[in-house]
Amino acid sequence: MAEIEDAIERADREAFTRQPPKTLKGQIGYLIKQLKTTRAVAQELGVSQRSVERYRKGERKHPPQAIAERIDAAVRARWQPQVRKRRQRQAATTGGITVETRARFGYTAPIGTTDDGRFRRLTVHLPPAYAQRLFDARDAGASDQQMRAIIAEGFKEVYFQDGGARATGLSDVTLNDIDYLDLDY
């Protein structure tokens, strides 16, 4: 599951200054404008080119649920790319990123202390450097596990070690069994 990727996508959608098209005709028109041809739209959606042409003309108004969801997802993925970039750039340079999650945190700690992983519900604001690393990793096609490691490292520094003020012997923090994870920037 791509929980981190989905969380970034949800956070991006909150930044929209205008809502994407809601009608089928409007959505197909937008996709054709973005992808240039009905054939490219058909390939993206996994339908025939003729179906795309029918949707565009309004001859067919109610696609099957699965196709309607694919159309909506394709539109939202391309909607307002400049707004997304601006928000991400701001988070990576000045604002940072807030992570809210309920997950099992495991860690490696010195002998004599507990290192049993346990569920915690945390809301932690990570510095801009972690936002930059997270966006760079996503753009480079990093796996969900690699992006989890970046967030876990941020939690280790900011939450568990409080910037070096405590738990200095803590060497490794892992983020497992995510119930939910939300990002805000």
Protein backbone atom coordinates (compact mmCIF):
# COMPACT_ATOMS: atom_id res chain seq x y z
CA MET A 1 0.00 0.00 0.00
CA ALA A 2 1.21 3.47 -0.83
CA GLU A 3 0.04 5.25 2.33
CA ILE A 4 2.60 8.07 2.17
CA GLU A 5 1.94 8.70 -1.53
CA ASP A 6 -1.82 8.84 -0.85
CA ALA A 7 -1.29 11.23 2.07
CA ILE A 8 0.77 13.59 -0.12
CA GLU A 9 -1.93 13.45 -2.79
CA ARG A 10 -4.67 14.28 -0.24
CA ALA A 11 -2.61 17.19 1.11
CA ASP A 12 -2.12 18.49 -2.43
CA ARG A 13 -5.87 18.39 -3.06
CA GLU A 14 -6.50 20.59 -0.04
CA ALA A 15 -4.49 23.31 -1.78
CA PHE A 16 -6.78 23.59 -4.80
CA THR A 17 -7.99 27.13 -5.32
CA ARG A 18 -10.76 25.96 -7.66
CA GLN A 19 -12.64 22.69 -7.77
CA PRO A 20 -11.97 20.31 -10.69
CA PRO A 21 -14.77 19.71 -13.23
CA LYS A 22 -17.61 17.63 -11.80
CA THR A 23 -19.56 16.66 -14.93
CA LEU A 24 -18.41 13.75 -17.06
CA LYS A 25 -18.32 15.95 -20.16
CA GLY A 26 -16.22 18.56 -18.34
CA GLN A 27 -13.82 15.96 -16.98
CA ILE A 28 -13.29 14.32 -20.37
CA GLY A 29 -12.85 17.74 -22.00
CA TYR A 30 -10.20 18.62 -19.43
CA LEU A 31 -8.35 15.31 -19.95
CA ILE A 32 -8.39 15.76 -23.73
CA LYS A 33 -6.97 19.26 -23.27
CA GLN A 34 -4.19 17.87 -21.04
CA LEU A 35 -3.34 14.71 -23.00
CA LYS A 36 -4.03 16.24 -26.45
CA THR A 37 -5.84 13.27 -28.08
CA THR A 38 -8.83 11.06 -27.39
CA ARG A 39 -6.58 8.04 -27.99
CA ALA A 40 -4.23 9.11 -25.17
CA VAL A 41 -7.20 9.65 -22.84
CA ALA A 42 -8.59 6.22 -23.77
CA GLN A 43 -5.25 4.56 -23.00
CA GLU A 44 -5.00 6.41 -19.68
CA LEU A 45 -8.49 5.29 -18.64
CA GLY A 46 -8.38 1.79 -20.10
CA VAL A 47 -11.41 2.28 -22.35
CA SER A 48 -11.92 2.48 -26.12
CA GLN A 49 -11.31 5.68 -28.02
CA ARG A 50 -14.93 5.56 -29.17
CA SER A 51 -16.12 5.53 -25.54
CA VAL A 52 -14.10 8.68 -24.85
CA GLU A 53 -15.67 10.34 -27.90
CA ARG A 54 -19.15 9.37 -26.67
CA TYR A 55 -18.43 10.78 -23.21
CA ARG A 56 -17.14 14.02 -24.75
CA LYS A 57 -20.21 14.49 -26.95
CA GLY A 58 -22.59 13.61 -24.13
CA GLU A 59 -23.96 10.54 -25.94
CA ARG A 60 -23.01 8.48 -22.89
CA LYS A 61 -23.52 10.12 -19.54
CA HIS A 62 -23.11 7.31 -16.99
CA PRO A 63 -19.97 5.20 -17.27
CA PRO A 64 -19.53 2.15 -15.02
CA GLN A 65 -18.48 3.05 -11.46
CA ALA A 66 -14.90 1.82 -11.88
CA ILE A 67 -14.38 3.92 -15.02
CA ALA A 68 -15.99 6.98 -13.41
CA GLU A 69 -13.53 6.64 -10.52
CA ARG A 70 -10.58 6.36 -12.95
CA ILE A 71 -11.75 9.47 -14.79
CA ASP A 72 -12.05 11.41 -11.53
CA ALA A 73 -8.63 10.23 -10.34
CA ALA A 74 -6.99 11.16 -13.67
CA VAL A 75 -8.49 14.67 -13.55
CA ARG A 76 -7.47 15.26 -9.91
CA ALA A 77 -3.94 14.01 -10.55
CA ARG A 78 -3.46 16.69 -13.21
CA TRP A 79 -5.49 19.50 -11.65
CA GLN A 80 -3.69 22.76 -10.76
CA PRO A 81 -0.06 21.56 -10.95
CA GLN A 82 1.30 25.06 -10.30
CA VAL A 83 -0.66 25.37 -7.04
CA ARG A 84 0.69 21.99 -5.92
CA LYS A 85 4.27 22.93 -6.78
CA ARG A 86 4.02 26.27 -4.98
CA ARG A 87 2.70 24.65 -1.78
CA GLN A 88 5.35 21.94 -1.89
CA ARG A 89 8.12 24.49 -2.50
CA GLN A 90 6.88 26.56 0.44
CA ALA A 91 6.82 23.48 2.71
CA ALA A 92 10.31 22.47 1.60
CA THR A 93 11.85 25.91 2.14
CA THR A 94 10.08 27.60 5.04
CA GLY A 95 6.93 25.91 6.31
CA GLY A 96 7.81 22.31 6.97
CA ILE A 97 5.28 19.51 7.07
CA THR A 98 2.89 18.32 9.78
CA VAL A 99 2.41 14.57 10.05
CA GLU A 100 -0.54 13.14 11.95
CA THR A 101 -0.55 9.39 12.34
CA ARG A 102 -1.53 6.42 14.42
CA ALA A 103 1.03 3.72 13.90
CA ARG A 104 3.30 1.28 15.66
CA PHE A 105 6.67 2.82 16.35
CA GLY A 106 9.59 0.51 16.93
CA TYR A 107 13.07 1.65 17.84
CA THR A 108 16.52 0.50 18.77
CA ALA A 109 17.46 1.73 22.24
CA PRO A 110 20.29 1.10 24.73
CA ILE A 111 20.23 -2.10 26.83
CA GLY A 112 18.15 -1.74 29.97
CA THR A 113 15.46 0.39 28.34
CA THR A 114 12.33 -0.77 26.59
CA ASP A 115 12.43 -1.00 22.84
CA ASP A 116 9.07 -2.71 22.38
CA GLY A 117 7.15 -1.14 19.54
CA ARG A 118 3.78 0.22 20.49
CA PHE A 119 0.95 2.12 18.90
CA ARG A 120 1.05 5.87 19.30
CA ARG A 121 -1.10 8.64 17.96
CA LEU A 122 1.19 11.53 17.09
CA THR A 123 0.92 14.90 15.43
CA VAL A 124 4.40 16.23 14.79
CA HIS A 125 5.62 19.22 12.78
CA LEU A 126 8.76 18.28 10.85
CA PRO A 127 11.26 20.91 9.64
CA PRO A 128 11.41 21.94 5.95
CA ALA A 129 14.42 19.68 5.28
CA TYR A 130 12.26 16.60 5.83
CA ALA A 131 9.55 17.95 3.53
CA GLN A 132 12.20 18.52 0.85
CA ARG A 133 13.57 14.99 1.27
CA LEU A 134 10.07 13.51 1.15
CA PHE A 135 9.10 15.35 -2.06
CA ASP A 136 12.47 14.55 -3.69
CA ALA A 137 12.06 10.87 -2.82
CA ARG A 138 8.53 10.83 -4.23
CA ASP A 139 9.63 12.54 -7.44
CA ALA A 140 12.48 10.02 -7.78
CA GLY A 141 9.98 7.16 -7.53
CA ALA A 142 10.94 5.99 -4.05
CA SER A 143 9.00 3.14 -2.47
CA ASP A 144 6.54 3.70 0.35
CA GLN A 145 9.03 2.03 2.71
CA GLN A 146 11.74 4.56 1.80
CA MET A 147 9.36 7.48 2.39
CA ARG A 148 8.32 5.94 5.72
CA ALA A 149 12.00 5.88 6.71
CA ILE A 150 12.28 9.64 6.05
CA ILE A 151 9.22 10.36 8.23
CA ALA A 152 10.46 7.97 10.95
CA GLU A 153 13.83 9.74 10.97
CA GLY A 154 12.03 13.07 11.38
CA PHE A 155 9.99 11.67 14.27
CA LYS A 156 13.18 10.37 15.88
CA GLU A 157 14.82 13.78 15.73
CA VAL A 158 11.84 16.01 16.54
CA TYR A 159 9.61 13.92 18.80
CA PHE A 160 11.67 11.20 20.45
CA GLN A 161 14.95 13.10 20.84
CA ASP A 162 13.48 16.61 21.03
CA GLY A 163 16.29 18.02 18.87
CA GLY A 164 19.01 16.30 20.94
CA ALA A 165 17.68 17.21 24.39
CA ARG A 166 16.67 13.63 25.35
CA ALA A 167 16.91 9.97 24.32
CA THR A 168 20.34 10.50 22.78
CA GLY A 169 21.01 6.75 22.81
CA LEU A 170 18.10 6.11 20.46
CA SER A 171 19.59 4.91 17.20
CA ASP A 172 16.79 3.77 14.95
CA VAL A 173 13.05 4.47 14.72
CA THR A 174 10.72 2.52 12.44
CA LEU A 175 7.17 3.31 11.39
CA ASN A 176 5.02 0.16 11.06
CA ASP A 177 1.38 -0.92 11.00
CA ILE A 178 -0.01 2.47 9.99
CA ASP A 179 -3.68 2.87 10.95
CA TYR A 180 -3.83 6.25 9.23
CA LEU A 181 -1.41 8.94 8.16
CA ASP A 182 -2.23 12.51 7.13
CA LEU A 183 0.08 15.27 5.98
CA ASP A 184 -0.47 19.00 6.00
CA TYR A 185 1.76 21.70 4.59
